[in-house]
Protein backbone atom coordinates (compact mmCIF):
# COMPACT_ATOMS: atom_id res chain seq x y z
CA UNK A 1 -0.01 -0.06 -0.07
CA UNK A 2 1.53 3.43 -1.22
CA UNK A 3 1.70 6.40 1.34
CA UNK A 4 0.02 9.36 0.38
CA UNK A 5 2.92 11.99 0.01
CA UNK A 6 2.36 14.92 2.39
CA UNK A 7 1.12 18.30 0.30
CA UNK A 8 3.41 20.61 -1.10
CA UNK A 9 3.76 23.82 0.86
CA UNK A 10 1.94 26.84 -0.13
CA UNK A 11 3.85 29.60 -1.65
CA UNK A 12 3.50 31.79 1.57
CA UNK A 13 4.80 28.74 3.36
CA UNK A 14 7.71 28.19 1.11
CA UNK A 15 8.57 31.96 1.41
CA UNK A 16 8.37 31.83 5.08
CA UNK A 17 10.41 28.89 5.29
CA UNK A 18 13.20 30.55 2.88
CA UNK A 19 13.03 33.60 5.14
CA UNK A 20 13.56 31.23 8.30
CA UNK A 21 16.59 29.61 6.83
CA UNK A 22 18.03 33.28 5.70
CA UNK A 23 17.78 34.44 8.99
CA UNK A 24 19.68 31.37 10.30
CA UNK A 25 22.47 31.72 7.89
CA UNK A 26 23.16 35.26 8.64
CA UNK A 27 22.61 34.71 12.61
CA UNK A 28 24.93 31.78 12.15
CA UNK A 29 27.99 33.73 10.50
CA UNK A 30 27.18 36.83 12.98
CA UNK A 31 27.60 34.73 15.84
CA UNK A 32 30.73 32.94 14.78
CA UNK A 33 32.30 36.20 13.69
CA UNK A 34 31.30 38.60 16.28
CA UNK A 35 30.48 36.69 19.39
CA UNK A 36 27.45 36.48 21.18
CA UNK A 37 27.60 39.82 22.81
CA UNK A 38 28.70 41.29 19.58
CA UNK A 39 25.37 39.99 17.73
CA UNK A 40 22.33 42.03 18.07
CA UNK A 41 19.09 41.51 16.60
CA UNK A 42 19.15 44.88 15.18
CA UNK A 43 22.40 44.32 12.84
CA UNK A 44 20.72 40.65 11.74
CA UNK A 45 17.74 42.80 10.66
CA UNK A 46 19.71 45.29 8.85
CA UNK A 47 21.62 42.46 6.97
CA UNK A 48 18.38 40.76 5.80
CA UNK A 49 17.15 44.13 4.82
CA UNK A 50 13.76 43.91 7.08
CA UNK A 51 12.81 45.30 10.38
CA UNK A 52 13.47 44.01 13.78
CA UNK A 53 9.72 43.39 14.10
CA UNK A 54 9.73 40.97 11.18
CA UNK A 55 12.70 39.14 12.90
CA UNK A 56 10.88 38.83 16.07
CA UNK A 57 8.29 37.41 14.26
CA UNK A 58 10.22 34.26 13.52
CA UNK A 59 12.58 34.42 16.80
CA UNK A 60 11.53 36.14 19.78
CA UNK A 61 14.93 36.91 21.19
CA UNK A 62 18.61 36.55 20.50
CA UNK A 63 18.69 33.65 23.06
CA UNK A 64 15.99 31.53 21.09
CA UNK A 65 17.79 32.37 17.51
CA UNK A 66 21.07 31.18 19.01
CA UNK A 67 19.55 27.60 20.00
CA UNK A 68 17.88 27.73 16.59
CA UNK A 69 21.31 28.04 15.09
CA UNK A 70 22.57 25.36 17.10
CA UNK A 71 19.82 22.99 16.59
CA UNK A 72 20.37 23.48 12.92
CA UNK A 73 24.11 22.79 13.09
CA UNK A 74 23.31 19.54 15.09
CA UNK A 75 20.49 17.72 13.95
CA UNK A 76 21.78 16.67 10.55
CA UNK A 77 25.02 15.46 12.45
CA UNK A 78 23.16 13.34 14.81
CA UNK A 79 21.02 11.81 12.38
CA UNK A 80 24.38 10.73 10.33
CA UNK A 81 25.93 9.34 13.80
CA UNK A 82 22.53 7.56 14.29
CA UNK A 83 23.05 5.32 10.67
CA UNK A 84 26.70 4.68 11.79
CA UNK A 85 25.74 3.58 14.89
CA UNK A 86 24.33 0.22 13.53
CA UNK A 87 24.63 -2.92 16.11
CA UNK A 88 24.63 -5.27 13.01
CA UNK A 89 28.04 -4.04 11.69
CA UNK A 90 29.59 -5.01 15.05
CA UNK A 91 30.37 -2.97 18.29
CA UNK A 92 34.07 -1.96 17.61
CA UNK A 93 33.36 -1.23 13.87
CA UNK A 94 30.49 1.07 14.57
CA UNK A 95 32.26 2.91 17.37
CA UNK A 96 35.16 3.54 15.27
CA UNK A 97 33.10 4.70 12.25
CA UNK A 98 31.31 7.09 15.12
CA UNK A 99 34.78 8.17 16.69
CA UNK A 100 36.22 9.28 13.30
CA UNK A 101 33.00 11.02 12.13
CA UNK A 102 32.72 12.83 15.73
CA UNK A 103 36.26 14.00 15.59
CA UNK A 104 36.12 15.33 12.11
CA UNK A 105 33.01 17.23 13.00
CA UNK A 106 34.09 18.43 16.21
CA UNK A 107 37.62 19.69 14.73
CA UNK A 108 35.99 21.61 11.91
CA UNK A 109 36.68 25.29 11.71
CA UNK A 110 32.97 26.05 12.35
CA UNK A 111 33.00 23.65 15.54
CA UNK A 112 36.33 24.97 16.84
CA UNK A 113 35.06 28.36 16.68
CA UNK A 114 31.44 27.71 17.92
CA UNK A 115 33.22 25.94 21.12
CA UNK A 116 35.50 29.13 21.60
CA UNK A 117 32.62 31.30 21.41
CA UNK A 118 30.82 29.15 23.99
CA UNK A 119 33.55 28.78 26.43
CA UNK A 120 34.71 32.37 25.84
CA UNK A 121 30.88 34.01 26.83
CA UNK A 122 29.37 31.74 29.00
CA UNK A 123 30.57 33.37 32.19
CA UNK A 124 28.77 36.42 31.06
CA UNK A 125 25.78 34.74 29.29
CA UNK A 126 25.06 31.41 31.09
CA UNK A 127 22.13 30.61 28.93
CA UNK A 128 24.37 29.99 26.10
CA UNK A 129 26.23 27.26 27.81
CA UNK A 130 22.90 25.78 28.57
CA UNK A 131 21.92 25.96 25.28
CA UNK A 132 24.71 24.45 23.62
CA UNK A 133 25.19 21.71 26.22
CA UNK A 134 21.86 20.50 25.81
CA UNK A 135 21.68 20.45 21.96
CA UNK A 136 25.37 19.20 21.18
CA UNK A 137 27.28 17.38 24.08
CA UNK A 138 24.37 16.26 25.91
CA UNK A 139 22.30 14.60 22.81
CA UNK A 140 25.75 13.11 21.50
CA UNK A 141 26.48 11.41 24.63
CA UNK A 142 22.83 10.23 24.92
CA UNK A 143 22.72 9.04 21.34
CA UNK A 144 26.10 6.61 22.08
CA UNK A 145 24.64 5.80 25.39
CA UNK A 146 21.81 4.26 23.95
CA UNK A 147 24.13 2.25 21.48
CA UNK A 148 26.30 0.86 24.33
CA UNK A 149 23.48 0.19 26.59
CA UNK A 150 22.41 -2.16 23.81
CA UNK A 151 25.85 -3.38 23.26
CA UNK A 152 26.00 -4.34 26.99
CA UNK A 153 22.42 -5.83 26.85
CA UNK A 154 23.84 -8.27 24.42
CA UNK A 155 26.86 -9.10 26.45
CA UNK A 156 29.43 -7.53 23.68
CA UNK A 157 30.56 -4.85 26.23
CA UNK A 158 31.15 -5.59 30.20
CA UNK A 159 28.13 -4.22 32.25
CA UNK A 160 28.45 -0.49 33.23
CA UNK A 161 26.70 2.79 33.26
CA UNK A 162 26.41 3.62 29.44
CA UNK A 163 26.13 7.26 29.87
CA UNK A 164 29.20 7.12 31.61
CA UNK A 165 31.15 4.91 29.13
CA UNK A 166 29.55 7.35 26.41
CA UNK A 167 31.06 10.20 28.07
CA UNK A 168 34.73 8.45 28.55
CA UNK A 169 34.88 7.49 25.16
CA UNK A 170 33.88 11.03 23.75
CA UNK A 171 36.28 12.45 26.06
CA UNK A 172 39.26 10.24 24.91
CA UNK A 173 38.51 11.43 21.23
CA UNK A 174 38.81 14.93 22.22
CA UNK A 175 41.80 14.53 24.77
CA UNK A 176 44.72 14.92 22.43
CA UNK A 177 44.73 17.07 19.26
CA UNK A 178 41.21 18.80 19.74
CA UNK A 179 42.74 20.30 22.78
CA UNK A 180 45.40 21.92 20.73
CA UNK A 181 43.37 22.84 18.10
CA UNK A 182 41.16 24.76 20.60
CA UNK A 183 44.42 26.54 22.26
CA UNK A 184 45.41 27.68 18.48
CA UNK A 185 48.57 25.39 18.46
CA UNK A 186 47.49 23.92 15.12
CA UNK A 187 45.05 24.74 12.50
CA UNK A 188 43.55 21.57 11.21
CA UNK A 189 43.96 17.66 11.33
CA UNK A 190 44.98 15.45 8.54
CA UNK A 191 42.80 12.39 7.79
CA UNK A 192 45.81 9.85 8.88
CA UNK A 193 46.03 12.01 12.44
CA UNK A 194 42.34 11.71 13.14
CA UNK A 195 42.70 7.84 12.50
CA UNK A 196 45.61 7.76 14.77
CA UNK A 197 43.58 9.59 17.57
CA UNK A 198 40.71 7.50 17.31
CA UNK A 199 42.88 4.30 17.13
CA UNK A 200 44.44 5.48 20.49
CA UNK A 201 40.93 6.19 21.98
CA UNK A 202 39.73 3.02 21.13
CA UNK A 203 42.30 0.98 22.54
CA UNK A 204 41.91 2.30 25.89
CA UNK A 205 38.02 2.00 25.56
CA UNK A 206 38.48 -1.65 24.30
CA UNK A 207 40.66 -2.59 27.29
CA UNK A 208 38.33 -1.08 29.78
CA UNK A 209 34.83 -2.25 28.29
CA UNK A 210 35.15 -5.28 25.95
CA UNK A 211 34.48 -8.77 27.33
């Protein structure tokens, strides 16, 4: 039985969606270039060529807009990670692919800039730290923890708190070259460096959790 496809959006809905995406594009660029404090709703509206009233009809505050930017950045990546974490592929193979894609993402120029922004400004604006944590690290940790919990139930991994195990694996991935990138000591990672970092992280994790 064929499912009925959803109706195409009306012209008005399509225009509104297009405007919504344009706002997020401008906001994301502004946050990364000027920081949270240096980004204003007025400046975003001016760049878009509209009024603040129009902008506020889409996003009620700068905080809401920042949250929407983080959501757009992270949702597609989490969907990709969900596909990678396939139990049928074997625990170690799936975890290694997860770690490689995760490290590629968090060492991208955009991710490093966003990380610096949040760390640099969250003392003055604690709301952005909460927004970022809830929508990025916490969601990724939970996604990985669910996979690890299944592996533990199947006795492919030692029984433990899956969320703690997820946090440990993620921390192992970020403990080396990612830290150097955050400090500005290096600008990028070669693919072979990412694979070496992941191999080191996986070796430690496997020793701790594989039966």
